[in-house]
C-alpha atoms as a PDB file:
ATOM      1  CA  MET A   1     205.384 102.179  57.599  1.00  0.00           C
ATOM      2  CA  THR A   2     208.347 100.813  57.121  1.00  0.00           C
ATOM      3  CA  ARG A   3     209.215 100.605  53.082  1.00  0.00           C
ATOM      4  CA  ILE A   4     211.404  97.976  51.798  1.00  0.00           C
ATOM      5  CA  PHE A   5     212.380  96.939  48.271  1.00  0.00           C
ATOM      6  CA  SER A   6     214.979  94.019  46.747  1.00  0.00           C
ATOM      7  CA  GLY A   7     214.951  92.264  43.219  1.00  0.00           C
ATOM      8  CA  VAL A   8     215.984  89.261  41.182  1.00  0.00           C
ATOM      9  CA  LYS A   9     217.646  89.343  38.291  1.00  0.00           C
ATOM     10  CA  PRO A  10     216.939  87.283  35.439  1.00  0.00           C
ATOM     11  CA  THR A  11     220.193  85.633  34.265  1.00  0.00           C
ATOM     12  CA  GLY A  12     219.304  82.565  34.658  1.00  0.00           C
ATOM     13  CA  HIS A  13     216.399  79.954  36.083  1.00  0.00           C
ATOM     14  CA  LEU A  14     215.772  81.045  39.833  1.00  0.00           C
ATOM     15  CA  THR A  15     217.667  78.324  42.159  1.00  0.00           C
ATOM     16  CA  LEU A  16     217.101  76.927  45.685  1.00  0.00           C
ATOM     17  CA  GLY A  17     219.269  79.385  46.990  1.00  0.00           C
ATOM     18  CA  ASN A  18     217.488  82.164  45.628  1.00  0.00           C
ATOM     19  CA  TYR A  19     214.346  80.791  47.540  1.00  0.00           C
ATOM     20  CA  LEU A  20     215.633  80.307  50.620  1.00  0.00           C
ATOM     21  CA  GLY A  21     218.291  82.740  50.876  1.00  0.00           C
ATOM     22  CA  ALA A  22     215.323  85.866  49.829  1.00  0.00           C
ATOM     23  CA  VAL A  23     212.192  84.738  48.382  1.00  0.00           C
ATOM     24  CA  ARG A  24     210.672  82.686  50.536  1.00  0.00           C
ATOM     25  CA  GLN A  25     211.404  85.619  53.485  1.00  0.00           C
ATOM     26  CA  TRP A  26     209.813  87.905  51.166  1.00  0.00           C
ATOM     27  CA  ALA A  27     206.525  85.956  50.688  1.00  0.00           C
ATOM     28  CA  GLU A  28     206.333  84.764  54.584  1.00  0.00           C
ATOM     29  CA  VAL A  29     207.634  87.804  56.454  1.00  0.00           C
ATOM     30  CA  ASP A  30     208.536  90.896  54.677  1.00  0.00           C
ATOM     31  CA  GLN A  31     205.297  91.781  52.290  1.00  0.00           C
ATOM     32  CA  TYR A  32     203.143  91.561  55.406  1.00  0.00           C
ATOM     33  CA  ARG A  33     205.223  93.517  57.825  1.00  0.00           C
ATOM     34  CA  ALA A  34     205.910  96.529  55.264  1.00  0.00           C
ATOM     35  CA  GLU A  35     205.547  98.258  52.355  1.00  0.00           C
ATOM     36  CA  SER A  36     206.761  95.810  49.974  1.00  0.00           C
ATOM     37  CA  LEU A  37     207.949  96.372  46.600  1.00  0.00           C
ATOM     38  CA  PHE A  38     209.670  93.216  44.672  1.00  0.00           C
ATOM     39  CA  GLY A  39     211.466  94.059  41.248  1.00  0.00           C
ATOM     40  CA  VAL A  40     212.434  91.688  37.988  1.00  0.00           C
ATOM     41  CA  VAL A  41     215.920  93.802  37.354  1.00  0.00           C
ATOM     42  CA  ASP A  42     216.135  92.720  33.976  1.00  0.00           C
ATOM     43  CA  LEU A  43     218.256  95.918  33.214  1.00  0.00           C
ATOM     44  CA  HIS A  44     220.832  94.133  35.129  1.00  0.00           C
ATOM     45  CA  ALA A  45     220.967  90.627  33.025  1.00  0.00           C
ATOM     46  CA  LEU A  46     222.266  93.136  30.059  1.00  0.00           C
ATOM     47  CA  THR A  47     225.664  93.636  31.539  1.00  0.00           C
ATOM     48  CA  VAL A  48     227.184  91.098  30.077  1.00  0.00           C
ATOM     49  CA  GLU A  49     226.662  88.953  26.760  1.00  0.00           C
ATOM     50  CA  HIS A  50     223.023  87.811  26.364  1.00  0.00           C
ATOM     51  CA  ASP A  51     220.359  86.747  24.395  1.00  0.00           C
ATOM     52  CA  PRO A  52     217.620  88.868  24.282  1.00  0.00           C
ATOM     53  CA  GLY A  53     214.930  86.349  23.774  1.00  0.00           C
ATOM     54  CA  ARG A  54     215.976  84.202  26.779  1.00  0.00           C
ATOM     55  CA  VAL A  55     216.129  87.645  29.029  1.00  0.00           C
ATOM     56  CA  ARG A  56     212.510  88.569  28.180  1.00  0.00           C
ATOM     57  CA  ARG A  57     211.698  84.361  28.932  1.00  0.00           C
ATOM     58  CA  LEU A  58     213.104  84.543  32.108  1.00  0.00           C
ATOM     59  CA  SER A  59     212.015  87.720  33.179  1.00  0.00           C
ATOM     60  CA  ARG A  60     208.398  86.500  32.841  1.00  0.00           C
ATOM     61  CA  GLN A  61     209.403  83.496  34.497  1.00  0.00           C
ATOM     62  CA  ALA A  62     210.960  85.164  37.435  1.00  0.00           C
ATOM     63  CA  ALA A  63     207.854  86.975  37.934  1.00  0.00           C
ATOM     64  CA  THR A  64     205.664  83.940  37.527  1.00  0.00           C
ATOM     65  CA  LEU A  65     207.968  82.256  40.171  1.00  0.00           C
ATOM     66  CA  LEU A  66     207.681  85.419  42.840  1.00  0.00           C
ATOM     67  CA  LEU A  67     203.933  85.327  42.459  1.00  0.00           C
ATOM     68  CA  ALA A  68     204.262  80.904  43.021  1.00  0.00           C
ATOM     69  CA  SER A  69     206.136  80.960  45.838  1.00  0.00           C
ATOM     70  CA  GLY A  70     203.453  83.239  48.005  1.00  0.00           C
ATOM     71  CA  ILE A  71     203.710  86.771  47.018  1.00  0.00           C
ATOM     72  CA  ASP A  72     200.527  88.661  47.010  1.00  0.00           C
ATOM     73  CA  PRO A  73     200.023  91.258  44.289  1.00  0.00           C
ATOM     74  CA  GLU A  74     197.256  93.140  46.231  1.00  0.00           C
ATOM     75  CA  GLN A  75     199.573  93.065  49.660  1.00  0.00           C
ATOM     76  CA  ALA A  76     203.431  93.621  47.852  1.00  0.00           C
ATOM     77  CA  THR A  77     204.538  95.461  44.119  1.00  0.00           C
ATOM     78  CA  VAL A  78     205.233  93.162  41.617  1.00  0.00           C
ATOM     79  CA  PHE A  79     206.709  94.927  38.691  1.00  0.00           C
ATOM     80  CA  VAL A  80     209.381  94.630  35.819  1.00  0.00           C
ATOM     81  CA  GLN A  81     212.438  97.295  36.230  1.00  0.00           C
ATOM     82  CA  SER A  82     212.616  98.264  32.695  1.00  0.00           C
ATOM     83  CA  HIS A  83     208.611  99.295  32.758  1.00  0.00           C
ATOM     84  CA  VAL A  84     209.920 102.028  35.419  1.00  0.00           C
ATOM     85  CA  ASP A  85     211.605 104.886  33.508  1.00  0.00           C
ATOM     86  CA  GLU A  86     212.470 106.246  37.078  1.00  0.00           C
ATOM     87  CA  HIS A  87     215.190 103.608  37.696  1.00  0.00           C
ATOM     88  CA  ALA A  88     217.141 104.597  34.603  1.00  0.00           C
ATOM     89  CA  ARG A  89     216.682 108.077  34.933  1.00  0.00           C
ATOM     90  CA  LEU A  90     218.021 107.906  38.509  1.00  0.00           C
ATOM     91  CA  SER A  91     221.124 105.902  37.847  1.00  0.00           C
ATOM     92  CA  TYR A  92     222.849 108.641  35.800  1.00  0.00           C
ATOM     93  CA  LEU A  93     222.265 111.230  38.403  1.00  0.00           C
ATOM     94  CA  LEU A  94     223.635 108.666  41.264  1.00  0.00           C
ATOM     95  CA  GLU A  95     227.035 108.304  38.515  1.00  0.00           C
ATOM     96  CA  CYS A  96     227.815 111.693  38.908  1.00  0.00           C
ATOM     97  CA  VAL A  97     228.221 111.125  42.512  1.00  0.00           C
ATOM     98  CA  ALA A  98     229.885 108.050  42.674  1.00  0.00           C
ATOM     99  CA  THR A  99     233.587 107.515  41.971  1.00  0.00           C
ATOM    100  CA  ASP A 100     235.479 104.867  39.835  1.00  0.00           C
ATOM    101  CA  GLY A 101     237.367 103.943  42.662  1.00  0.00           C
ATOM    102  CA  GLU A 102     234.294 102.936  44.345  1.00  0.00           C
ATOM    103  CA  MET A 103     232.582 100.980  41.427  1.00  0.00           C
ATOM    104  CA  ARG A 104     236.075  99.082  40.685  1.00  0.00           C
ATOM    105  CA  ARG A 105     236.631  97.923  44.739  1.00  0.00           C
ATOM    106  CA  MET A 106     233.299  96.241  43.961  1.00  0.00           C
ATOM    107  CA  ILE A 107     233.584  92.146  44.643  1.00  0.00           C
ATOM    108  CA  GLN A 108     231.201  90.903  41.773  1.00  0.00           C
ATOM    109  CA  TYR A 109     232.785  93.484  39.133  1.00  0.00           C
ATOM    110  CA  LYS A 110     236.256  91.754  40.160  1.00  0.00           C
ATOM    111  CA  GLU A 111     234.893  88.491  40.103  1.00  0.00           C
ATOM    112  CA  LYS A 112     232.629  88.824  37.219  1.00  0.00           C
ATOM    113  CA  SER A 113     235.125  90.563  34.958  1.00  0.00           C
ATOM    114  CA  VAL A 114     237.615  87.926  35.599  1.00  0.00           C
ATOM    115  CA  ARG A 115     235.117  85.269  33.887  1.00  0.00           C
ATOM    116  CA  GLU A 116     234.442  87.400  31.386  1.00  0.00           C
ATOM    117  CA  ARG A 117     238.221  87.772  30.536  1.00  0.00           C
ATOM    118  CA  ALA A 118     238.265  84.267  30.536  1.00  0.00           C
ATOM    119  CA  ARG A 119     235.673  83.633  28.009  1.00  0.00           C
ATOM    120  CA  GLY A 120     237.593  85.412  25.818  1.00  0.00           C
ATOM    121  CA  GLY A 121     234.607  88.392  25.922  1.00  0.00           C
ATOM    122  CA  SER A 122     234.948  92.117  26.443  1.00  0.00           C
ATOM    123  CA  VAL A 123     234.005  93.719  29.788  1.00  0.00           C
ATOM    124  CA  ARG A 124     230.973  96.041  29.245  1.00  0.00           C
ATOM    125  CA  LEU A 125     230.971  99.623  30.875  1.00  0.00           C
ATOM    126  CA  SER A 126     227.519  98.682  32.444  1.00  0.00           C
ATOM    127  CA  LEU A 127     229.377  96.100  34.384  1.00  0.00           C
ATOM    128  CA  LEU A 128     231.240  97.966  36.188  1.00  0.00           C
ATOM    129  CA  THR A 129     228.243 100.947  36.680  1.00  0.00           C
ATOM    130  CA  TYR A 130     225.478  98.535  37.725  1.00  0.00           C
ATOM    131  CA  PRO A 131     225.490  98.855  41.456  1.00  0.00           C
ATOM    132  CA  VAL A 132     224.671 102.382  40.672  1.00  0.00           C
ATOM    133  CA  LEU A 133     222.033 101.345  39.056  1.00  0.00           C
ATOM    134  CA  MET A 134     221.072  99.038  42.016  1.00  0.00           C
ATOM    135  CA  ALA A 135     221.179 102.135  44.221  1.00  0.00           C
ATOM    136  CA  ALA A 136     218.993 103.836  42.165  1.00  0.00           C
ATOM    137  CA  ASP A 137     216.635 100.829  42.371  1.00  0.00           C
ATOM    138  CA  ILE A 138     216.545 101.116  46.269  1.00  0.00           C
ATOM    139  CA  LEU A 139     216.651 104.845  46.284  1.00  0.00           C
ATOM    140  CA  ALA A 140     214.110 105.791  44.047  1.00  0.00           C
ATOM    141  CA  TYR A 141     211.622 104.251  46.543  1.00  0.00           C
ATOM    142  CA  ARG A 142     213.000 105.891  49.906  1.00  0.00           C
ATOM    143  CA  ALA A 143     213.094 102.162  50.903  1.00  0.00           C
ATOM    144  CA  ASP A 144     214.021 101.977  54.595  1.00  0.00           C
ATOM    145  CA  GLU A 145     214.991  98.024  54.067  1.00  0.00           C
ATOM    146  CA  VAL A 146     216.885  95.815  51.680  1.00  0.00           C
ATOM    147  CA  PRO A 147     216.401  92.441  52.237  1.00  0.00           C
ATOM    148  CA  VAL A 148     219.451  90.509  50.202  1.00  0.00           C
ATOM    149  CA  GLY A 149     221.957  87.743  50.853  1.00  0.00           C
ATOM    150  CA  GLU A 150     225.040  88.530  52.249  1.00  0.00           C
ATOM    151  CA  ASP A 151     226.820  88.351  48.965  1.00  0.00           C
ATOM    152  CA  GLN A 152     224.508  91.766  48.220  1.00  0.00           C
ATOM    153  CA  THR A 153     225.387  93.759  51.273  1.00  0.00           C
ATOM    154  CA  GLN A 154     228.222  95.289  49.876  1.00  0.00           C
ATOM    155  CA  HIS A 155     226.157  96.858  47.659  1.00  0.00           C
ATOM    156  CA  VAL A 156     223.576  98.243  49.880  1.00  0.00           C
ATOM    157  CA  GLU A 157     226.742  99.820  51.633  1.00  0.00           C
ATOM    158  CA  LEU A 158     227.595 101.421  48.334  1.00  0.00           C
ATOM    159  CA  THR A 159     224.128 102.718  48.271  1.00  0.00           C
ATOM    160  CA  ARG A 160     224.131 103.893  51.721  1.00  0.00           C
ATOM    161  CA  ASP A 161     227.385 105.969  51.271  1.00  0.00           C
ATOM    162  CA  LEU A 162     225.686 107.532  47.924  1.00  0.00           C
ATOM    163  CA  ALA A 163     222.489 108.683  49.795  1.00  0.00           C
ATOM    164  CA  VAL A 164     224.851 110.190  52.556  1.00  0.00           C
ATOM    165  CA  ARG A 165     226.896 112.045  49.675  1.00  0.00           C
ATOM    166  CA  PHE A 166     224.050 112.879  47.752  1.00  0.00           C
ATOM    167  CA  ASN A 167     221.789 114.599  50.856  1.00  0.00           C
ATOM    168  CA  GLN A 168     224.845 116.192  51.996  1.00  0.00           C
ATOM    169  CA  ARG A 169     225.976 117.782  48.507  1.00  0.00           C
ATOM    170  CA  TYR A 170     222.233 118.605  47.195  1.00  0.00           C
ATOM    171  CA  GLY A 171     219.990 118.425  50.317  1.00  0.00           C
ATOM    172  CA  GLN A 172     218.064 115.961  52.144  1.00  0.00           C
ATOM    173  CA  THR A 173     216.352 113.838  49.136  1.00  0.00           C
ATOM    174  CA  PHE A 174     216.952 110.252  49.686  1.00  0.00           C
ATOM    175  CA  VAL A 175     216.557 107.532  52.787  1.00  0.00           C
ATOM    176  CA  VAL A 176     219.346 105.907  54.005  1.00  0.00           C
ATOM    177  CA  PRO A 177     218.238 102.101  53.544  1.00  0.00           C
ATOM    178  CA  ARG A 178     219.889  99.113  55.441  1.00  0.00           C
ATOM    179  CA  ALA A 179     220.491  95.554  54.834  1.00  0.00           C
ATOM    180  CA  THR A 180     218.310  92.910  56.181  1.00  0.00           C
ATOM    181  CA  PRO A 181     219.794  89.456  55.582  1.00  0.00           C
ATOM    182  CA  PRO A 182     217.509  86.213  56.596  1.00  0.00           C
ATOM    183  CA  LYS A 183     218.983  84.145  59.481  1.00  0.00           C
ATOM    184  CA  VAL A 184     218.971  80.675  57.764  1.00  0.00           C
ATOM    185  CA  ALA A 185     220.449  80.130  54.819  1.00  0.00           C
ATOM    186  CA  ALA A 186     221.769  83.360  53.534  1.00  0.00           C
ATOM    187  CA  ARG A 187     224.099  81.852  51.703  1.00  0.00           C
ATOM    188  CA  VAL A 188     222.780  78.053  49.827  1.00  0.00           C
ATOM    189  CA  MET A 189     226.140  76.678  48.438  1.00  0.00           C
ATOM    190  CA  ASP A 190     226.642  75.054  45.273  1.00  0.00           C
ATOM    191  CA  LEU A 191     226.195  71.349  45.770  1.00  0.00           C
ATOM    192  CA  GLN A 192     229.177  70.323  43.568  1.00  0.00           C
ATOM    193  CA  ASP A 193     231.704  72.837  44.809  1.00  0.00           C
ATOM    194  CA  PRO A 194     230.207  74.141  48.598  1.00  0.00           C
ATOM    195  CA  THR A 195     232.981  76.817  48.610  1.00  0.00           C
ATOM    196  CA  SER A 196     230.853  78.861  45.898  1.00  0.00           C
ATOM    197  CA  LYS A 197     227.560  80.119  46.330  1.00  0.00           C
ATOM    198  CA  MET A 198     224.516  78.154  44.211  1.00  0.00           C
ATOM    199  CA  GLY A 199     224.149  81.016  41.185  1.00  0.00           C
ATOM    200  CA  LYS A 200     221.659  80.856  39.040  1.00  0.00           C
ATOM    201  CA  SER A 201     224.029  82.149  36.015  1.00  0.00           C
ATOM    202  CA  HIS A 202     226.839  79.491  36.353  1.00  0.00           C
ATOM    203  CA  ASP A 203     227.314  77.303  32.965  1.00  0.00           C
ATOM    204  CA  ALA A 204     227.089  74.090  34.993  1.00  0.00           C
ATOM    205  CA  GLY A 205     223.686  72.988  36.725  1.00  0.00           C
ATOM    206  CA  ALA A 206     225.435  69.806  38.327  1.00  0.00           C
ATOM    207  CA  GLY A 207     225.151  71.499  41.517  1.00  0.00           C
ATOM    208  CA  ILE A 208     222.093  73.532  41.713  1.00  0.00           C
ATOM    209  CA  VAL A 209     219.219  72.855  42.339  1.00  0.00           C
ATOM    210  CA  TYR A 210     216.422  74.843  40.430  1.00  0.00           C
ATOM    211  CA  LEU A 211     212.677  75.661  41.651  1.00  0.00           C
ATOM    212  CA  LEU A 212     211.562  73.985  38.503  1.00  0.00           C
ATOM    213  CA  ASP A 213     213.608  70.970  38.459  1.00  0.00           C
ATOM    214  CA  GLU A 214     211.289  67.862  38.779  1.00  0.00           C
ATOM    215  CA  PRO A 215     211.681  65.758  41.701  1.00  0.00           C
ATOM    216  CA  ASP A 216     213.675  62.989  40.446  1.00  0.00           C
ATOM    217  CA  VAL A 217     216.278  65.572  39.304  1.00  0.00           C
ATOM    218  CA  VAL A 218     216.296  67.420  42.976  1.00  0.00           C
ATOM    219  CA  ARG A 219     216.889  64.083  44.679  1.00  0.00           C
ATOM    220  CA  LYS A 220     219.745  63.111  42.363  1.00  0.00           C
ATOM    221  CA  LYS A 221     221.517  66.441  42.530  1.00  0.00           C
ATOM    222  CA  ILE A 222     221.445  66.288  45.969  1.00  0.00           C
ATOM    223  CA  LEU A 223     222.408  62.836  46.379  1.00  0.00           C
ATOM    224  CA  ARG A 224     225.342  63.116  44.754  1.00  0.00           C
ATOM    225  CA  ALA A 225     226.031  66.196  46.621  1.00  0.00           C
ATOM    226  CA  VAL A 226     230.043  66.680  47.223  1.00  0.00           C
ATOM    227  CA  THR A 227     230.786  66.064  51.190  1.00  0.00           C
ATOM    228  CA  ASP A 228     233.788  66.023  52.826  1.00  0.00           C
ATOM    229  CA  SER A 229     236.509  63.415  54.375  1.00  0.00           C
ATOM    230  CA  GLY A 230     235.545  61.289  57.573  1.00  0.00           C
ATOM    231  CA  SER A 231     232.628  60.592  57.685  1.00  0.00           C
ATOM    232  CA  GLU A 232     231.243  62.157  61.423  1.00  0.00           C
ATOM    233  CA  VAL A 233     228.339  64.426  60.476  1.00  0.00           C
ATOM    234  CA  VAL A 234     228.879  67.790  62.178  1.00  0.00           C
ATOM    235  CA  PHE A 235     228.339  71.846  61.126  1.00  0.00           C
ATOM    236  CA  ASP A 236     231.663  73.499  60.382  1.00  0.00           C
ATOM    237  CA  PRO A 237     231.445  75.370  57.628  1.00  0.00           C
ATOM    238  CA  GLU A 238     235.331  75.824  57.190  1.00  0.00           C
ATOM    239  CA  ALA A 239     236.330  71.998  57.583  1.00  0.00           C
ATOM    240  CA  LYS A 240     233.044  70.506  56.192  1.00  0.00           C
ATOM    241  CA  PRO A 241     232.050  72.871  53.746  1.00  0.00           C
ATOM    242  CA  GLY A 242     229.738  70.455  51.659  1.00  0.00           C
ATOM    243  CA  VAL A 243     228.240  68.199  55.206  1.00  0.00           C
ATOM    244  CA  SER A 244     227.411  71.816  56.577  1.00  0.00           C
ATOM    245  CA  ASN A 245     225.966  73.304  53.193  1.00  0.00           C
ATOM    246  CA  LEU A 246     223.178  70.388  53.277  1.00  0.00           C
ATOM    247  CA  LEU A 247     222.740  70.865  57.052  1.00  0.00           C
ATOM    248  CA  GLU A 248     221.796  74.612  56.317  1.00  0.00           C
ATOM    249  CA  ILE A 249     219.362  73.587  53.672  1.00  0.00           C
ATOM    250  CA  LEU A 250     217.804  71.323  55.671  1.00  0.00           C
ATOM    251  CA  ALA A 251     217.752  73.249  58.697  1.00  0.00           C
ATOM    252  CA  ALA A 252     215.989  76.264  56.279  1.00  0.00           C
ATOM    253  CA  CYS A 253     212.866  73.599  55.091  1.00  0.00           C
ATOM    254  CA  ARG A 254     212.680  72.532  58.484  1.00  0.00           C
ATOM    255  CA  GLY A 255     212.575  75.664  60.191  1.00  0.00           C
ATOM    256  CA  GLY A 256     215.452  73.839  62.543  1.00  0.00           C
ATOM    257  CA  ASN A 257     218.872  74.727  63.271  1.00  0.00           C
ATOM    258  CA  PRO A 258     221.877  73.074  61.600  1.00  0.00           C
ATOM    259  CA  GLU A 259     224.165  72.810  64.674  1.00  0.00           C
ATOM    260  CA  ALA A 260     221.343  70.861  66.242  1.00  0.00           C
ATOM    261  CA  LEU A 261     220.301  68.718  63.238  1.00  0.00           C
ATOM    262  CA  SER A 262     224.084  67.576  62.401  1.00  0.00           C
ATOM    263  CA  GLY A 263     223.583  65.268  66.012  1.00  0.00           C
ATOM    264  CA  ALA A 264     220.809  63.151  64.692  1.00  0.00           C
ATOM    265  CA  TYR A 265     223.003  61.804  61.722  1.00  0.00           C
ATOM    266  CA  GLU A 266     225.694  58.700  61.925  1.00  0.00           C
ATOM    267  CA  SER A 267     225.820  58.708  58.093  1.00  0.00           C
ATOM    268  CA  TYR A 268     226.350  61.107  54.564  1.00  0.00           C
ATOM    269  CA  GLY A 269     223.891  59.181  53.087  1.00  0.00           C
ATOM    270  CA  ALA A 270     221.192  59.561  55.641  1.00  0.00           C
ATOM    271  CA  LEU A 271     221.772  63.518  55.459  1.00  0.00           C
ATOM    272  CA  LYS A 272     221.609  63.556  52.186  1.00  0.00           C
ATOM    273  CA  SER A 273     218.486  61.393  52.097  1.00  0.00           C
ATOM    274  CA  ASP A 274     216.449  63.493  54.286  1.00  0.00           C
ATOM    275  CA  THR A 275     218.045  67.033  52.589  1.00  0.00           C
ATOM    276  CA  ALA A 276     216.753  65.464  49.444  1.00  0.00           C
ATOM    277  CA  GLU A 277     212.928  64.624  50.339  1.00  0.00           C
ATOM    278  CA  ALA A 278     212.608  67.704  52.316  1.00  0.00           C
ATOM    279  CA  VAL A 279     213.682  70.225  49.481  1.00  0.00           C
ATOM    280  CA  VAL A 280     211.266  68.503  47.285  1.00  0.00           C
ATOM    281  CA  GLU A 281     208.503  68.888  49.938  1.00  0.00           C
ATOM    282  CA  LEU A 282     209.643  72.750  49.765  1.00  0.00           C
ATOM    283  CA  LEU A 283     208.941  73.098  46.388  1.00  0.00           C
ATOM    284  CA  ARG A 284     206.109  71.044  45.969  1.00  0.00           C
ATOM    285  CA  PRO A 285     203.567  73.435  46.210  1.00  0.00           C
ATOM    286  CA  VAL A 286     205.513  76.056  44.379  1.00  0.00           C
ATOM    287  CA  GLN A 287     205.829  74.396  41.187  1.00  0.00           C
ATOM    288  CA  GLU A 288     201.866  73.499  41.497  1.00  0.00           C
ATOM    289  CA  ARG A 289     200.650  77.188  41.350  1.00  0.00           C
ATOM    290  CA  HIS A 290     203.318  77.765  39.152  1.00  0.00           C
ATOM    291  CA  LYS A 291     201.796  75.590  36.764  1.00  0.00           C
ATOM    292  CA  GLU A 292     198.628  77.398  37.480  1.00  0.00           C
ATOM    293  CA  LEU A 293     199.894  80.694  36.752  1.00  0.00           C
ATOM    294  CA  MET A 294     201.449  79.264  33.493  1.00  0.00           C
ATOM    295  CA  ALA A 295     197.964  78.445  32.263  1.00  0.00           C
ATOM    296  CA  ASP A 296     196.816  81.874  33.061  1.00  0.00           C
ATOM    297  CA  PRO A 297     199.276  84.458  31.049  1.00  0.00           C
ATOM    298  CA  SER A 298     196.998  87.171  31.064  1.00  0.00           C
ATOM    299  CA  TYR A 299     197.047  87.307  35.086  1.00  0.00           C
ATOM    300  CA  VAL A 300     201.093  87.701  35.368  1.00  0.00           C
ATOM    301  CA  GLU A 301     200.457  90.526  32.784  1.00  0.00           C
ATOM    302  CA  GLU A 302     198.192  92.347  34.299  1.00  0.00           C
ATOM    303  CA  VAL A 303     200.040  92.301  37.842  1.00  0.00           C
ATOM    304  CA  LEU A 304     202.922  93.609  36.366  1.00  0.00           C
ATOM    305  CA  ARG A 305     201.409  96.011  34.488  1.00  0.00           C
ATOM    306  CA  ARG A 306     199.561  97.311  37.700  1.00  0.00           C
ATOM    307  CA  GLY A 307     202.429  96.585  39.311  1.00  0.00           C
ATOM    308  CA  ALA A 308     204.722  99.028  37.350  1.00  0.00           C
ATOM    309  CA  GLU A 309     202.162 101.775  37.719  1.00  0.00           C
ATOM    310  CA  ARG A 310     202.231 101.938  41.638  1.00  0.00           C
ATOM    311  CA  ALA A 311     205.670 101.973  41.232  1.00  0.00           C
ATOM    312  CA  ARG A 312     206.161 104.748  39.104  1.00  0.00           C
ATOM    313  CA  GLY A 313     203.347 106.587  41.490  1.00  0.00           C
ATOM    314  CA  MET A 314     206.029 105.987  44.502  1.00  0.00           C
ATOM    315  CA  ALA A 315     209.317 106.257  42.532  1.00  0.00           C
ATOM    316  CA  GLY A 316     207.898 109.669  40.391  1.00  0.00           C
ATOM    317  CA  PRO A 317     208.360 112.222  43.146  1.00  0.00           C
ATOM    318  CA  THR A 318     211.557 111.174  44.510  1.00  0.00           C
ATOM    319  CA  VAL A 319     213.660 111.084  41.119  1.00  0.00           C
ATOM    320  CA  ASP A 320     212.016 114.634  40.169  1.00  0.00           C
ATOM    321  CA  GLY A 321     212.745 115.724  43.459  1.00  0.00           C
ATOM    322  CA  ALA A 322     216.230 114.513  42.703  1.00  0.00           C
ATOM    323  CA  TYR A 323     216.669 116.355  39.420  1.00  0.00           C
ATOM    324  CA  ARG A 324     215.793 119.561  40.546  1.00  0.00           C
ATOM    325  CA  ALA A 325     218.273 119.381  43.760  1.00  0.00           C
ATOM    326  CA  VAL A 326     221.171 118.727  41.487  1.00  0.00           C
ATOM    327  CA  GLY A 327     220.048 121.842  39.433  1.00  0.00           C
ATOM    328  CA  LEU A 328     218.256 120.479  36.123  1.00  0.00           C
ATOM    329  CA  LEU A 329     216.027 122.932  34.363  1.00  0.00           C
ATOM    330  CA  PRO A 330     212.447 121.210  34.822  1.00  0.00           C
ATOM    331  CA  PRO A 331     210.419 120.838  32.176  1.00  0.00           C
ATOM    332  CA  THR A 332     207.661 123.199  31.138  1.00  0.00           C
END
């Protein structure tokens, strides 16, 4: 059976972009068609300056939202990355296979290091090497597929390269995975800056719809979304990024096509109004289920405990095999 792995990083509150670009597909499609593992990859949150208490809160919130979005712990494995030691164990072995040049070419490292320096902060070594940890997240489980948005495909390509290189040097150990991006709204853009991704770790939230935003807040953010010059409602991401982003969101909410939807609107206002209501209705069941789960924290804790136990059972043999393959003496 096909096995898939993907995860969310607890560096901020989950957004509409996270949901439409990944989480909804995990819940509605992936968990039923494959043996699925979905992790809260909290070790990745340590690559930049962070508040320990906030990382813990966001990790729990992310896990709860995965469940609230419809991921069934009887159908899929839901766990926290740091609860499974095999991730860190394998990461070091893969660092011994990766090269410095590969790490420095990663687009996200370039972007994030510039932002860190602009804030006057130092750039942590882990910010450079975290794509190797991401590769370890995937390869430890011998995953066949990695459902990700288009901004993460470079990391999956690195994972493939490392798997092939390791297998060639030390013997067949890892499955070489492939990225499987969603068909619609793979990259939802910021409502105030439609040339940038709607990212959960951005400082300003005016252009970001969070999964737990109140309905009136959602409506206000979408009604205030930046549009483009002119008044024609057409899907053209290059010439009209603001309008195109709204059409992408509306299409993803309704299961339609953004090009087809553009012909149904004569004004930006009507498009914004319909998009706002579609998003409010999309998020309503997620928010209601989240409230129920928050009232029963012991349930979430038990899901994560059982998920980590299953994940360790799957990852352990592969990582132990990798340690043997590179020539490390097994413990006695």
